[in-house]
Each structure stands twice: as C-alpha cells, then as structure tokens.
C-alpha cells in the first residue's frame, strides 16, 4: 500500500491518497490535480509525486486491520 500527501508538493493542500501501488496513486492524483488545482499532470508533477510516495500499512494495524486475520483481538476465534 502506498500513500501520498498532496501538501508535500502543493503547500496548503490537505488531500491524502492511498493506493495499492504507484499507478493507483498517480491516477488519483491526476484527477485531483485537474479538478482541484486546475493543472494537467506533466512529467515534473509525476516525478514530484513519486519522490513523495510512502509505504503505508494495509490497515490501521497492518494488513488485517485492528482485529487481525482471525477475528476480534487479533487472535484465532475460539468457540
């Protein structure tokens, strides 16, 4: 999972983007750039976004979320 904060490139912008990979982030950012900043993405913008991409865990507590892969509490369900 990747994360990008637009404010890292455009000071004052608070938008953040999460995506599975670089391509997913770039698609979201391109739409945002056109709609909210009224600019067409160009190679310089793509480079700036790529330079500010960060790895992000898949959920708040890793790939399986706060309760882990098997249920509440993160451990196996017992019944």
N, C-alpha and C. Protein backbone atom coordinates (compact mmCIF):
# COMPACT_ATOMS: atom_id res chain seq x y z
N UNK A 1 0.85 -1.16 0.00
CA UNK A 1 0.00 0.00 0.00
C UNK A 1 0.91 1.24 0.00
N UNK A 2 0.55 2.20 -0.82
CA UNK A 2 1.31 3.45 -0.91
C UNK A 2 0.45 4.61 -0.45
N UNK A 3 1.09 5.66 0.02
CA UNK A 3 0.41 6.86 0.48
C UNK A 3 1.11 8.09 -0.09
N UNK A 4 0.31 9.09 -0.43
CA UNK A 4 0.85 10.36 -0.92
C UNK A 4 0.05 11.49 -0.30
N UNK A 5 0.74 12.50 0.18
CA UNK A 5 0.11 13.71 0.71
C UNK A 5 0.36 14.84 -0.28
N UNK A 6 -0.70 15.38 -0.83
CA UNK A 6 -0.55 16.44 -1.83
C UNK A 6 0.21 17.64 -1.26
N UNK A 7 0.00 17.93 0.01
CA UNK A 7 0.68 19.05 0.64
C UNK A 7 2.19 18.95 0.62
N UNK A 8 2.73 17.75 0.39
CA UNK A 8 4.18 17.60 0.26
C UNK A 8 4.68 18.24 -1.03
N UNK A 9 3.77 18.43 -2.00
CA UNK A 9 4.14 19.02 -3.29
C UNK A 9 3.46 20.38 -3.47
N UNK A 10 2.22 20.50 -3.01
CA UNK A 10 1.46 21.75 -3.12
C UNK A 10 1.17 22.24 -1.71
N UNK A 11 1.98 23.17 -1.21
CA UNK A 11 1.79 23.65 0.16
C UNK A 11 0.35 24.11 0.41
N UNK A 12 -0.18 23.66 1.54
CA UNK A 12 -1.52 24.04 1.94
C UNK A 12 -2.60 23.04 1.56
N UNK A 13 -2.32 22.15 0.62
CA UNK A 13 -3.32 21.16 0.23
C UNK A 13 -3.32 20.04 1.28
N UNK A 14 -4.51 19.67 1.72
CA UNK A 14 -4.64 18.66 2.77
C UNK A 14 -5.00 17.27 2.27
N UNK A 15 -5.17 17.10 0.97
CA UNK A 15 -5.60 15.80 0.44
C UNK A 15 -4.52 14.74 0.61
N UNK A 16 -4.97 13.55 0.95
CA UNK A 16 -4.09 12.39 1.06
C UNK A 16 -4.67 11.28 0.21
N UNK A 17 -3.81 10.46 -0.33
CA UNK A 17 -4.22 9.39 -1.23
C UNK A 17 -3.60 8.08 -0.78
N UNK A 18 -4.39 7.03 -0.81
CA UNK A 18 -3.91 5.67 -0.56
C UNK A 18 -4.19 4.84 -1.80
N UNK A 19 -3.24 4.00 -2.15
CA UNK A 19 -3.43 3.14 -3.30
C UNK A 19 -2.57 1.90 -3.19
N UNK A 20 -2.94 0.89 -3.93
CA UNK A 20 -2.21 -0.37 -3.88
C UNK A 20 -0.78 -0.22 -4.37
N UNK A 21 -0.58 0.71 -5.32
CA UNK A 21 0.75 0.86 -5.91
C UNK A 21 0.88 2.26 -6.53
N UNK A 22 2.03 2.49 -7.12
CA UNK A 22 2.35 3.77 -7.75
C UNK A 22 1.30 4.17 -8.78
N UNK A 23 0.88 3.22 -9.61
CA UNK A 23 -0.08 3.51 -10.66
C UNK A 23 -1.41 3.98 -10.09
N UNK A 24 -1.88 3.33 -9.05
CA UNK A 24 -3.14 3.72 -8.42
C UNK A 24 -3.06 5.12 -7.84
N UNK A 25 -1.96 5.45 -7.20
CA UNK A 25 -1.78 6.79 -6.63
C UNK A 25 -1.75 7.83 -7.75
N UNK A 26 -0.97 7.57 -8.80
CA UNK A 26 -0.85 8.54 -9.89
C UNK A 26 -2.20 8.82 -10.55
N UNK A 27 -3.04 7.81 -10.69
CA UNK A 27 -4.37 8.02 -11.28
C UNK A 27 -5.21 8.93 -10.40
N UNK A 28 -5.19 8.70 -9.10
CA UNK A 28 -5.95 9.54 -8.17
C UNK A 28 -5.43 10.97 -8.16
N UNK A 29 -4.12 11.11 -8.13
CA UNK A 29 -3.51 12.44 -8.08
C UNK A 29 -3.78 13.21 -9.37
N UNK A 30 -3.75 12.53 -10.50
CA UNK A 30 -4.03 13.20 -11.77
C UNK A 30 -5.43 13.80 -11.76
N UNK A 31 -6.40 13.02 -11.30
CA UNK A 31 -7.78 13.52 -11.23
C UNK A 31 -7.87 14.71 -10.27
N UNK A 32 -7.24 14.60 -9.12
CA UNK A 32 -7.22 15.68 -8.13
C UNK A 32 -6.55 16.94 -8.69
N UNK A 33 -5.44 16.76 -9.37
CA UNK A 33 -4.72 17.92 -9.94
C UNK A 33 -5.61 18.69 -10.91
N UNK A 34 -6.32 17.96 -11.75
CA UNK A 34 -7.21 18.61 -12.73
C UNK A 34 -8.40 19.28 -12.04
N UNK A 35 -9.06 18.56 -11.14
CA UNK A 35 -10.29 19.04 -10.53
C UNK A 35 -10.06 20.16 -9.51
N UNK A 36 -9.03 20.01 -8.69
CA UNK A 36 -8.86 20.93 -7.56
C UNK A 36 -7.76 21.96 -7.74
N UNK A 37 -6.77 21.65 -8.56
CA UNK A 37 -5.67 22.60 -8.77
C UNK A 37 -5.66 23.18 -10.18
N UNK A 38 -6.55 22.66 -11.03
CA UNK A 38 -6.70 23.17 -12.41
C UNK A 38 -5.39 23.12 -13.18
N UNK A 39 -4.68 22.00 -13.01
CA UNK A 39 -3.44 21.78 -13.76
C UNK A 39 -3.48 20.40 -14.39
N UNK A 40 -2.86 20.28 -15.54
CA UNK A 40 -2.70 18.99 -16.20
C UNK A 40 -1.41 18.35 -15.69
N UNK A 41 -1.48 17.10 -15.28
CA UNK A 41 -0.26 16.42 -14.85
C UNK A 41 0.78 16.38 -15.98
N UNK A 42 2.02 16.60 -15.62
CA UNK A 42 3.11 16.55 -16.58
C UNK A 42 4.25 15.74 -15.95
N UNK A 43 5.31 15.49 -16.68
CA UNK A 43 6.39 14.66 -16.13
C UNK A 43 6.98 15.22 -14.83
N UNK A 44 7.04 16.53 -14.69
CA UNK A 44 7.58 17.11 -13.45
C UNK A 44 6.68 16.78 -12.26
N UNK A 45 5.37 16.85 -12.46
CA UNK A 45 4.44 16.52 -11.38
C UNK A 45 4.54 15.03 -11.02
N UNK A 46 4.62 14.18 -12.03
CA UNK A 46 4.76 12.74 -11.78
C UNK A 46 6.02 12.47 -10.96
N UNK A 47 7.13 13.10 -11.32
CA UNK A 47 8.39 12.92 -10.57
C UNK A 47 8.22 13.38 -9.13
N UNK A 48 7.57 14.53 -8.93
CA UNK A 48 7.38 15.06 -7.58
C UNK A 48 6.53 14.11 -6.74
N UNK A 49 5.48 13.57 -7.33
CA UNK A 49 4.63 12.62 -6.61
C UNK A 49 5.44 11.38 -6.25
N UNK A 50 6.16 10.84 -7.21
CA UNK A 50 6.95 9.63 -6.97
C UNK A 50 7.99 9.85 -5.87
N UNK A 51 8.57 11.04 -5.81
CA UNK A 51 9.57 11.34 -4.78
C UNK A 51 8.96 11.40 -3.39
N UNK A 52 7.65 11.60 -3.31
CA UNK A 52 6.98 11.75 -2.01
C UNK A 52 6.04 10.59 -1.68
N UNK A 53 6.12 9.50 -2.42
CA UNK A 53 5.33 8.31 -2.09
C UNK A 53 5.92 7.66 -0.84
N UNK A 54 5.03 7.17 0.01
CA UNK A 54 5.46 6.49 1.23
C UNK A 54 4.77 5.14 1.31
N UNK A 55 5.45 4.16 1.87
CA UNK A 55 4.81 2.88 2.14
C UNK A 55 3.88 3.05 3.33
N UNK A 56 2.73 2.42 3.25
CA UNK A 56 1.72 2.53 4.29
C UNK A 56 1.21 1.12 4.60
N UNK A 57 1.04 0.80 5.89
CA UNK A 57 0.43 -0.50 6.20
C UNK A 57 -0.94 -0.60 5.54
N UNK A 58 -1.41 -1.81 5.28
CA UNK A 58 -2.68 -2.00 4.60
C UNK A 58 -3.88 -1.57 5.43
N UNK A 59 -3.77 -1.51 6.72
CA UNK A 59 -4.87 -1.09 7.57
C UNK A 59 -4.32 -0.41 8.80
N UNK A 60 -5.19 -0.03 9.75
CA UNK A 60 -4.70 0.70 10.91
C UNK A 60 -3.70 -0.07 11.74
N UNK A 61 -3.77 -1.39 11.70
CA UNK A 61 -2.82 -2.21 12.45
C UNK A 61 -2.18 -3.27 11.57
N UNK A 62 -1.94 -2.93 10.32
CA UNK A 62 -1.33 -3.89 9.42
C UNK A 62 -2.32 -4.41 8.40
N UNK A 63 -1.93 -5.41 7.66
CA UNK A 63 -2.74 -5.85 6.53
C UNK A 63 -4.09 -6.43 6.90
N UNK A 64 -4.29 -6.84 8.14
CA UNK A 64 -5.55 -7.47 8.51
C UNK A 64 -6.42 -6.59 9.39
N UNK A 65 -6.08 -5.32 9.55
CA UNK A 65 -6.89 -4.40 10.33
C UNK A 65 -6.67 -4.57 11.83
N UNK A 66 -7.47 -3.88 12.62
CA UNK A 66 -7.22 -3.85 14.07
C UNK A 66 -7.46 -5.17 14.77
N UNK A 67 -8.24 -6.07 14.15
CA UNK A 67 -8.55 -7.32 14.82
C UNK A 67 -7.77 -8.51 14.31
N UNK A 68 -6.84 -8.27 13.43
CA UNK A 68 -6.02 -9.36 12.95
C UNK A 68 -6.76 -10.26 11.98
N UNK A 69 -6.12 -11.31 11.54
CA UNK A 69 -6.69 -12.14 10.48
C UNK A 69 -7.85 -13.02 10.94
N UNK A 70 -7.96 -13.28 12.24
CA UNK A 70 -8.91 -14.30 12.66
C UNK A 70 -10.05 -13.79 13.54
N UNK A 71 -10.15 -12.51 13.73
CA UNK A 71 -11.29 -12.01 14.49
C UNK A 71 -10.88 -11.02 15.57
N UNK A 72 -11.85 -10.61 16.38
CA UNK A 72 -11.60 -9.62 17.42
C UNK A 72 -10.44 -10.00 18.31
N UNK A 73 -9.63 -9.01 18.63
CA UNK A 73 -8.49 -9.25 19.48
C UNK A 73 -7.25 -9.70 18.74
N UNK A 74 -7.37 -9.97 17.46
CA UNK A 74 -6.21 -10.32 16.66
C UNK A 74 -5.80 -11.76 16.72
N UNK A 75 -6.44 -12.54 17.57
CA UNK A 75 -6.06 -13.94 17.67
C UNK A 75 -7.10 -14.83 17.02
N UNK A 76 -6.84 -16.11 17.05
CA UNK A 76 -7.81 -17.04 16.46
C UNK A 76 -9.12 -17.02 17.22
N UNK A 77 -10.20 -17.23 16.49
CA UNK A 77 -11.50 -17.31 17.14
C UNK A 77 -11.61 -18.64 17.86
N UNK A 78 -12.14 -18.56 19.04
CA UNK A 78 -12.35 -19.79 19.81
C UNK A 78 -13.83 -19.87 20.14
N UNK A 79 -14.37 -21.02 20.10
CA UNK A 79 -15.80 -21.10 20.31
C UNK A 79 -16.22 -22.17 21.15
